[in-house]
Amino acid sequence: MLAGCFEPDIPLDTPLALAPRGSVEQNIQIKSKVNYVVDIVFAKGSTPHEKLKELIGAMGICQIGEACSKGVVIPVRWSLRSVENGNIVASGEVNSFESSAWSAADVYRRIGGFSVDRGNYLFKMEVLRDVPELAILRTRVLIYHPFK
């Protein structure tokens, strides 16, 4: 077995403000040409599960007859630019809603993904309007390669 083959591949994990609307601009290093995902991650903290489902989205997992929230919309724009030549190699603009995964500590919301060559890149992301409904949650942007 190769040493380090199970180490997480996380080029970015940084806080993101939703109210007032925030932005991220950070250099990242991509180590291998694999599929990366860009998620907004919300810390559950002490927020009740039902409130999290209402705010972030229930992922379509609801009881029959129960309201099934898709969560509060977060409009975002993001881009990934090669440091070497300045070209934008991946980007997106989305009205993000609905959770995409839940863990013991966090709730995830997918906003995009990319696969690019190894190298150094400038990642930029901006929230396009204040989202005060979600300001009660500690929020961050996470770029990672999910293990399959």
N, C-alpha and C. Protein backbone atom coordinates (compact mmCIF):
# COMPACT_ATOMS: atom_id res chain seq x y z
N MET A 1 0.85 -1.17 0.00
CA MET A 1 0.00 0.00 0.00
C MET A 1 0.90 1.24 0.00
N LEU A 2 0.55 2.22 -0.81
CA LEU A 2 1.32 3.45 -0.89
C LEU A 2 1.03 4.36 0.29
N ALA A 3 2.08 4.93 0.84
CA ALA A 3 1.90 5.88 1.95
C ALA A 3 1.15 7.10 1.45
N GLY A 4 0.19 7.56 2.23
CA GLY A 4 -0.52 8.79 1.89
C GLY A 4 -1.67 8.63 0.91
N CYS A 5 -1.94 7.41 0.44
CA CYS A 5 -2.98 7.28 -0.58
C CYS A 5 -4.38 7.52 -0.01
N PHE A 6 -4.51 7.55 1.30
CA PHE A 6 -5.82 7.81 1.88
C PHE A 6 -5.89 9.18 2.53
N GLU A 7 -4.87 10.02 2.29
CA GLU A 7 -4.92 11.38 2.82
C GLU A 7 -5.96 12.18 2.03
N PRO A 8 -6.72 13.03 2.70
CA PRO A 8 -7.71 13.82 1.96
C PRO A 8 -7.05 14.81 1.01
N ASP A 9 -7.67 15.03 -0.12
CA ASP A 9 -7.20 15.99 -1.12
C ASP A 9 -8.13 17.20 -1.03
N ILE A 10 -7.72 18.19 -0.25
CA ILE A 10 -8.56 19.36 0.02
C ILE A 10 -7.75 20.62 -0.29
N PRO A 11 -7.87 21.13 -1.53
CA PRO A 11 -7.13 22.34 -1.87
C PRO A 11 -7.63 23.61 -1.18
N LEU A 12 -8.89 23.61 -0.70
CA LEU A 12 -9.44 24.81 -0.07
C LEU A 12 -10.47 24.45 0.99
N ASP A 13 -10.35 25.09 2.14
CA ASP A 13 -11.34 24.98 3.22
C ASP A 13 -11.24 26.30 3.98
N THR A 14 -12.15 27.24 3.68
CA THR A 14 -12.04 28.58 4.23
C THR A 14 -13.42 29.15 4.57
N PRO A 15 -13.50 30.01 5.58
CA PRO A 15 -14.79 30.59 5.97
C PRO A 15 -15.42 31.44 4.86
N LEU A 16 -16.76 31.51 4.89
CA LEU A 16 -17.52 32.31 3.94
C LEU A 16 -18.64 33.01 4.68
N ALA A 17 -18.72 34.33 4.56
CA ALA A 17 -19.81 35.11 5.17
C ALA A 17 -21.00 35.15 4.22
N LEU A 18 -22.20 35.01 4.78
CA LEU A 18 -23.42 35.09 3.98
C LEU A 18 -24.18 36.39 4.23
N ALA A 19 -23.99 37.01 5.39
CA ALA A 19 -24.63 38.30 5.69
C ALA A 19 -23.74 39.06 6.65
N PRO A 20 -23.10 40.13 6.20
CA PRO A 20 -23.19 40.64 4.84
C PRO A 20 -22.53 39.67 3.87
N ARG A 21 -22.94 39.77 2.61
CA ARG A 21 -22.46 38.83 1.60
C ARG A 21 -20.94 38.88 1.52
N GLY A 22 -20.36 37.71 1.44
CA GLY A 22 -18.91 37.60 1.47
C GLY A 22 -18.33 37.13 0.16
N SER A 23 -17.02 37.05 0.15
CA SER A 23 -16.31 36.55 -1.01
C SER A 23 -15.04 35.86 -0.54
N VAL A 24 -14.49 35.05 -1.44
CA VAL A 24 -13.24 34.33 -1.19
C VAL A 24 -12.37 34.54 -2.41
N GLU A 25 -11.10 34.82 -2.18
CA GLU A 25 -10.13 34.89 -3.26
C GLU A 25 -8.85 34.28 -2.69
N GLN A 26 -8.49 33.09 -3.20
CA GLN A 26 -7.37 32.38 -2.61
C GLN A 26 -6.65 31.54 -3.65
N ASN A 27 -5.32 31.53 -3.57
CA ASN A 27 -4.53 30.64 -4.41
C ASN A 27 -4.64 29.22 -3.87
N ILE A 28 -4.83 28.27 -4.78
CA ILE A 28 -4.90 26.86 -4.39
C ILE A 28 -3.97 26.05 -5.28
N GLN A 29 -3.58 24.89 -4.78
CA GLN A 29 -2.74 23.99 -5.56
C GLN A 29 -3.53 22.72 -5.85
N ILE A 30 -3.60 22.37 -7.13
CA ILE A 30 -4.25 21.13 -7.55
C ILE A 30 -3.14 20.10 -7.77
N LYS A 31 -3.22 18.97 -7.07
CA LYS A 31 -2.15 17.98 -7.10
C LYS A 31 -2.34 16.88 -8.13
N SER A 32 -3.58 16.67 -8.58
CA SER A 32 -3.80 15.62 -9.58
C SER A 32 -5.06 15.94 -10.38
N LYS A 33 -5.08 15.42 -11.60
CA LYS A 33 -6.23 15.67 -12.48
C LYS A 33 -7.33 14.66 -12.16
N VAL A 34 -8.16 15.03 -11.22
CA VAL A 34 -9.30 14.23 -10.80
C VAL A 34 -10.50 15.17 -10.71
N ASN A 35 -11.66 14.63 -10.43
CA ASN A 35 -12.85 15.46 -10.28
C ASN A 35 -12.90 16.05 -8.87
N TYR A 36 -12.92 17.37 -8.80
CA TYR A 36 -13.07 18.09 -7.55
C TYR A 36 -14.48 18.65 -7.48
N VAL A 37 -14.99 18.80 -6.26
CA VAL A 37 -16.29 19.44 -6.07
C VAL A 37 -16.10 20.71 -5.24
N VAL A 38 -17.00 21.65 -5.47
CA VAL A 38 -17.02 22.91 -4.72
C VAL A 38 -18.32 22.89 -3.92
N ASP A 39 -18.21 22.92 -2.61
CA ASP A 39 -19.37 22.88 -1.73
C ASP A 39 -19.37 24.08 -0.79
N ILE A 40 -20.57 24.51 -0.43
CA ILE A 40 -20.73 25.36 0.74
C ILE A 40 -21.08 24.41 1.87
N VAL A 41 -20.38 24.55 3.00
CA VAL A 41 -20.55 23.64 4.13
C VAL A 41 -21.04 24.44 5.34
N PHE A 42 -22.10 23.94 5.95
CA PHE A 42 -22.72 24.59 7.11
C PHE A 42 -22.47 23.73 8.34
N ALA A 43 -21.92 24.33 9.39
CA ALA A 43 -21.73 23.60 10.65
C ALA A 43 -23.09 23.47 11.34
N LYS A 44 -23.42 22.25 11.76
CA LYS A 44 -24.70 22.02 12.43
C LYS A 44 -24.77 22.73 13.77
N GLY A 45 -23.67 22.71 14.51
CA GLY A 45 -23.66 23.30 15.84
C GLY A 45 -24.81 22.74 16.67
N SER A 46 -25.51 23.62 17.36
CA SER A 46 -26.65 23.18 18.19
C SER A 46 -27.99 23.43 17.51
N THR A 47 -27.96 23.74 16.21
CA THR A 47 -29.20 24.01 15.48
C THR A 47 -30.01 22.72 15.35
N PRO A 48 -31.28 22.73 15.71
CA PRO A 48 -32.12 21.53 15.60
C PRO A 48 -32.18 21.01 14.15
N HIS A 49 -32.27 19.69 14.03
CA HIS A 49 -32.29 19.03 12.73
C HIS A 49 -33.40 19.58 11.82
N GLU A 50 -34.58 19.77 12.35
CA GLU A 50 -35.70 20.27 11.54
C GLU A 50 -35.43 21.68 11.02
N LYS A 51 -34.78 22.51 11.83
CA LYS A 51 -34.44 23.87 11.41
C LYS A 51 -33.38 23.82 10.30
N LEU A 52 -32.42 22.91 10.41
CA LEU A 52 -31.40 22.74 9.37
C LEU A 52 -32.05 22.32 8.05
N LYS A 53 -32.98 21.38 8.11
CA LYS A 53 -33.69 20.95 6.90
C LYS A 53 -34.43 22.11 6.26
N GLU A 54 -35.04 22.96 7.08
CA GLU A 54 -35.78 24.12 6.58
C GLU A 54 -34.84 25.13 5.92
N LEU A 55 -33.70 25.39 6.54
CA LEU A 55 -32.78 26.42 6.06
C LEU A 55 -31.90 25.97 4.89
N ILE A 56 -31.40 24.73 4.95
CA ILE A 56 -30.41 24.27 3.97
C ILE A 56 -31.01 23.34 2.93
N GLY A 57 -32.09 22.66 3.28
CA GLY A 57 -32.74 21.73 2.36
C GLY A 57 -32.71 20.33 2.93
N ALA A 58 -33.76 19.59 2.67
CA ALA A 58 -33.93 18.26 3.26
C ALA A 58 -33.37 17.14 2.39
N MET A 59 -32.76 17.48 1.25
CA MET A 59 -32.19 16.50 0.32
C MET A 59 -33.28 15.57 -0.23
N GLY A 60 -34.52 16.01 -0.18
CA GLY A 60 -35.62 15.21 -0.69
C GLY A 60 -36.02 14.06 0.21
N ILE A 61 -35.43 13.99 1.40
CA ILE A 61 -35.74 12.89 2.33
C ILE A 61 -36.74 13.41 3.35
N CYS A 62 -38.02 13.19 3.07
CA CYS A 62 -39.08 13.70 3.93
C CYS A 62 -40.15 12.63 4.11
N GLN A 63 -40.88 12.74 5.21
CA GLN A 63 -41.99 11.83 5.47
C GLN A 63 -43.12 12.13 4.49
N ILE A 64 -43.92 11.14 4.16
CA ILE A 64 -45.08 11.33 3.29
C ILE A 64 -45.99 12.38 3.93
N GLY A 65 -46.38 13.36 3.14
CA GLY A 65 -47.25 14.42 3.61
C GLY A 65 -46.54 15.57 4.31
N GLU A 66 -45.24 15.40 4.58
CA GLU A 66 -44.45 16.44 5.24
C GLU A 66 -43.95 17.45 4.20
N ALA A 67 -43.90 18.73 4.57
CA ALA A 67 -43.30 19.73 3.69
C ALA A 67 -41.83 19.39 3.52
N CYS A 68 -41.34 19.48 2.30
CA CYS A 68 -39.97 19.06 2.01
C CYS A 68 -39.19 20.27 1.49
N SER A 69 -38.59 21.01 2.40
CA SER A 69 -37.90 22.25 2.06
C SER A 69 -36.68 22.01 1.20
N LYS A 70 -36.47 22.92 0.26
CA LYS A 70 -35.25 22.93 -0.56
C LYS A 70 -34.25 23.94 -0.01
N GLY A 71 -34.62 24.65 1.06
CA GLY A 71 -33.71 25.56 1.72
C GLY A 71 -33.72 26.97 1.14
N VAL A 72 -33.00 27.84 1.81
CA VAL A 72 -32.87 29.23 1.41
C VAL A 72 -31.87 29.31 0.26
N VAL A 73 -32.22 30.04 -0.79
CA VAL A 73 -31.36 30.17 -1.96
C VAL A 73 -30.15 31.07 -1.64
N ILE A 74 -28.99 30.62 -2.09
CA ILE A 74 -27.76 31.41 -2.00
C ILE A 74 -27.24 31.62 -3.42
N PRO A 75 -27.32 32.83 -3.96
CA PRO A 75 -26.77 33.07 -5.30
C PRO A 75 -25.25 33.26 -5.22
N VAL A 76 -24.50 32.46 -5.99
CA VAL A 76 -23.04 32.56 -5.97
C VAL A 76 -22.47 32.54 -7.38
N ARG A 77 -21.30 33.15 -7.51
CA ARG A 77 -20.52 33.10 -8.75
C ARG A 77 -19.11 32.70 -8.35
N TRP A 78 -18.52 31.75 -9.11
CA TRP A 78 -17.17 31.31 -8.78
C TRP A 78 -16.36 31.11 -10.06
N SER A 79 -15.05 31.18 -9.91
CA SER A 79 -14.16 30.92 -11.05
C SER A 79 -12.84 30.36 -10.55
N LEU A 80 -12.18 29.66 -11.45
CA LEU A 80 -10.86 29.09 -11.20
C LEU A 80 -9.97 29.54 -12.35
N ARG A 81 -8.91 30.28 -12.03
CA ARG A 81 -8.03 30.87 -13.04
C ARG A 81 -6.62 30.30 -12.88
N SER A 82 -6.02 29.91 -14.00
CA SER A 82 -4.64 29.43 -13.98
C SER A 82 -3.71 30.58 -13.59
N VAL A 83 -2.86 30.34 -12.60
CA VAL A 83 -1.87 31.35 -12.21
C VAL A 83 -0.83 31.49 -13.32
N GLU A 84 -0.53 30.38 -13.98
CA GLU A 84 0.51 30.36 -15.02
C GLU A 84 0.18 31.25 -16.21
N ASN A 85 -1.05 31.11 -16.77
CA ASN A 85 -1.36 31.88 -17.98
C ASN A 85 -2.56 32.83 -17.83
N GLY A 86 -3.21 32.85 -16.68
CA GLY A 86 -4.31 33.78 -16.45
C GLY A 86 -5.66 33.35 -17.02
N ASN A 87 -5.72 32.19 -17.68
CA ASN A 87 -6.98 31.73 -18.28
C ASN A 87 -7.93 31.19 -17.23
N ILE A 88 -9.22 31.50 -17.41
CA ILE A 88 -10.25 30.88 -16.56
C ILE A 88 -10.46 29.47 -17.09
N VAL A 89 -10.30 28.48 -16.20
CA VAL A 89 -10.39 27.08 -16.61
C VAL A 89 -11.67 26.41 -16.12
N ALA A 90 -12.36 27.04 -15.18
CA ALA A 90 -13.65 26.53 -14.69
C ALA A 90 -14.38 27.68 -14.02
N SER A 91 -15.71 27.67 -14.13
CA SER A 91 -16.49 28.74 -13.49
C SER A 91 -17.94 28.31 -13.41
N GLY A 92 -18.70 29.05 -12.64
CA GLY A 92 -20.13 28.80 -12.54
C GLY A 92 -20.83 29.94 -11.85
N GLU A 93 -22.11 30.07 -12.14
CA GLU A 93 -22.98 31.00 -11.43
C GLU A 93 -24.27 30.24 -11.18
N VAL A 94 -24.68 30.18 -9.93
CA VAL A 94 -25.80 29.33 -9.57
C VAL A 94 -26.61 29.95 -8.43
N ASN A 95 -27.91 29.75 -8.49
CA ASN A 95 -28.78 30.01 -7.34
C ASN A 95 -28.84 28.70 -6.57
N SER A 96 -27.94 28.57 -5.62
CA SER A 96 -27.76 27.32 -4.90
C SER A 96 -28.92 27.08 -3.93
N PHE A 97 -29.43 25.86 -3.94
CA PHE A 97 -30.44 25.44 -2.97
C PHE A 97 -30.31 23.94 -2.78
N GLU A 98 -30.91 23.40 -1.75
CA GLU A 98 -30.96 21.98 -1.44
C GLU A 98 -29.61 21.45 -0.95
N SER A 99 -29.66 20.68 0.10
CA SER A 99 -28.46 20.04 0.62
C SER A 99 -28.07 18.87 -0.27
N SER A 100 -26.78 18.55 -0.27
CA SER A 100 -26.30 17.43 -1.10
C SER A 100 -25.73 16.30 -0.25
N ALA A 101 -25.41 16.58 1.03
CA ALA A 101 -24.90 15.54 1.93
C ALA A 101 -24.99 16.03 3.36
N TRP A 102 -25.07 15.08 4.29
CA TRP A 102 -25.10 15.37 5.72
C TRP A 102 -24.05 14.50 6.39
N SER A 103 -23.32 15.07 7.35
CA SER A 103 -22.40 14.30 8.18
C SER A 103 -22.76 14.56 9.64
N ALA A 104 -22.02 13.99 10.55
CA ALA A 104 -22.31 14.20 11.97
C ALA A 104 -22.19 15.67 12.36
N ALA A 105 -21.26 16.41 11.73
CA ALA A 105 -21.01 17.79 12.14
C ALA A 105 -21.50 18.84 11.15
N ASP A 106 -21.68 18.46 9.88
CA ASP A 106 -21.92 19.45 8.83
C ASP A 106 -23.04 19.04 7.87
N VAL A 107 -23.54 20.08 7.15
CA VAL A 107 -24.46 19.86 6.03
C VAL A 107 -23.81 20.51 4.81
N TYR A 108 -23.83 19.79 3.69
CA TYR A 108 -23.14 20.22 2.47
C TYR A 108 -24.15 20.64 1.41
N ARG A 109 -23.73 21.63 0.61
CA ARG A 109 -24.53 22.06 -0.53
C ARG A 109 -23.58 22.22 -1.72
N ARG A 110 -23.79 21.43 -2.76
CA ARG A 110 -22.92 21.44 -3.94
C ARG A 110 -23.19 22.68 -4.78
N ILE A 111 -22.12 23.39 -5.18
CA ILE A 111 -22.30 24.54 -6.06
C ILE A 111 -21.56 24.38 -7.39
N GLY A 112 -20.73 23.36 -7.49
CA GLY A 112 -20.02 23.16 -8.76
C GLY A 112 -18.97 22.10 -8.65
N GLY A 113 -18.20 21.98 -9.72
CA GLY A 113 -17.13 21.02 -9.77
C GLY A 113 -16.24 21.27 -10.97
N PHE A 114 -15.08 20.60 -10.98
CA PHE A 114 -14.14 20.78 -12.08
C PHE A 114 -13.10 19.67 -12.07
N SER A 115 -12.42 19.53 -13.19
CA SER A 115 -11.25 18.68 -13.33
C SER A 115 -10.26 19.45 -14.19
N VAL A 116 -9.10 19.74 -13.64
CA VAL A 116 -8.08 20.53 -14.35
C VAL A 116 -6.73 19.87 -14.15
N ASP A 117 -5.76 20.32 -14.94
CA ASP A 117 -4.40 19.80 -14.82
C ASP A 117 -3.78 20.22 -13.49
N ARG A 118 -2.77 19.46 -13.06
CA ARG A 118 -2.00 19.83 -11.87
C ARG A 118 -1.48 21.25 -12.04
N GLY A 119 -1.42 22.00 -10.94
CA GLY A 119 -0.87 23.34 -11.02
C GLY A 119 -1.42 24.26 -9.97
N ASN A 120 -1.08 25.53 -10.11
CA ASN A 120 -1.53 26.57 -9.18
C ASN A 120 -2.63 27.39 -9.83
N TYR A 121 -3.66 27.67 -9.03
CA TYR A 121 -4.84 28.36 -9.53
C TYR A 121 -5.29 29.40 -8.53
N LEU A 122 -6.01 30.40 -9.03
CA LEU A 122 -6.66 31.40 -8.19
C LEU A 122 -8.15 31.08 -8.19
N PHE A 123 -8.69 30.75 -7.02
CA PHE A 123 -10.11 30.48 -6.87
C PHE A 123 -10.78 31.75 -6.34
N LYS A 124 -11.85 32.17 -7.00
CA LYS A 124 -12.65 33.31 -6.55
C LYS A 124 -14.10 32.87 -6.44
N MET A 125 -14.75 33.31 -5.38
CA MET A 125 -16.18 33.05 -5.23
C MET A 125 -16.79 34.23 -4.51
N GLU A 126 -17.99 34.62 -4.97
CA GLU A 126 -18.70 35.69 -4.28
C GLU A 126 -20.16 35.33 -4.11
N VAL A 127 -20.68 35.68 -2.96
CA VAL A 127 -22.11 35.58 -2.69
C VAL A 127 -22.73 36.84 -3.29
N LEU A 128 -23.77 36.69 -4.11
CA LEU A 128 -24.29 37.80 -4.89
C LEU A 128 -25.32 38.67 -4.17
N ARG A 129 -25.81 38.22 -3.02
CA ARG A 129 -26.69 39.06 -2.20
C ARG A 129 -26.59 38.58 -0.75
N ASP A 130 -26.93 39.45 0.18
CA ASP A 130 -26.95 39.06 1.58
C ASP A 130 -27.96 37.94 1.78
N VAL A 131 -27.61 36.97 2.62
CA VAL A 131 -28.51 35.86 2.94
C VAL A 131 -28.60 35.79 4.48
N PRO A 132 -29.34 36.74 5.08
CA PRO A 132 -29.37 36.83 6.55
C PRO A 132 -30.02 35.61 7.21
N GLU A 133 -30.89 34.91 6.50
CA GLU A 133 -31.56 33.73 7.08
C GLU A 133 -30.54 32.66 7.49
N LEU A 134 -29.39 32.61 6.80
CA LEU A 134 -28.39 31.57 7.08
C LEU A 134 -27.21 32.09 7.90
N ALA A 135 -27.26 33.36 8.30
CA ALA A 135 -26.14 33.96 9.03
C ALA A 135 -25.94 33.33 10.41
N ILE A 136 -26.93 32.61 10.91
CA ILE A 136 -26.80 31.96 12.22
C ILE A 136 -25.88 30.75 12.18
N LEU A 137 -25.57 30.26 10.96
CA LEU A 137 -24.75 29.07 10.81
C LEU A 137 -23.32 29.43 10.43
N ARG A 138 -22.34 28.75 11.03
CA ARG A 138 -20.95 28.92 10.61
C ARG A 138 -20.80 28.25 9.25
N THR A 139 -20.31 29.00 8.27
CA THR A 139 -20.31 28.55 6.88
C THR A 139 -18.90 28.64 6.30
N ARG A 140 -18.57 27.68 5.42
CA ARG A 140 -17.27 27.72 4.76
C ARG A 140 -17.39 27.18 3.34
N VAL A 141 -16.36 27.48 2.53
CA VAL A 141 -16.26 26.93 1.18
C VAL A 141 -15.24 25.80 1.23
N LEU A 142 -15.59 24.68 0.63
CA LEU A 142 -14.73 23.51 0.64
C LEU A 142 -14.57 23.01 -0.79
N ILE A 143 -13.32 22.88 -1.23
CA ILE A 143 -13.03 22.22 -2.50
C ILE A 143 -12.30 20.93 -2.15
N TYR A 144 -12.80 19.81 -2.64
CA TYR A 144 -12.19 18.54 -2.30
C TYR A 144 -12.43 17.50 -3.38
N HIS A 145 -11.64 16.45 -3.31
CA HIS A 145 -11.82 15.29 -4.19
C HIS A 145 -12.51 14.21 -3.37
N PRO A 146 -13.77 13.92 -3.70
CA PRO A 146 -14.49 12.89 -2.92
C PRO A 146 -13.93 11.50 -3.24
N PHE A 147 -13.70 10.70 -2.21
CA PHE A 147 -13.24 9.33 -2.43
C PHE A 147 -14.39 8.50 -2.92
N LYS A 148 -14.14 7.67 -3.90
CA LYS A 148 -15.17 6.78 -4.45
C LYS A 148 -14.82 5.36 -4.16
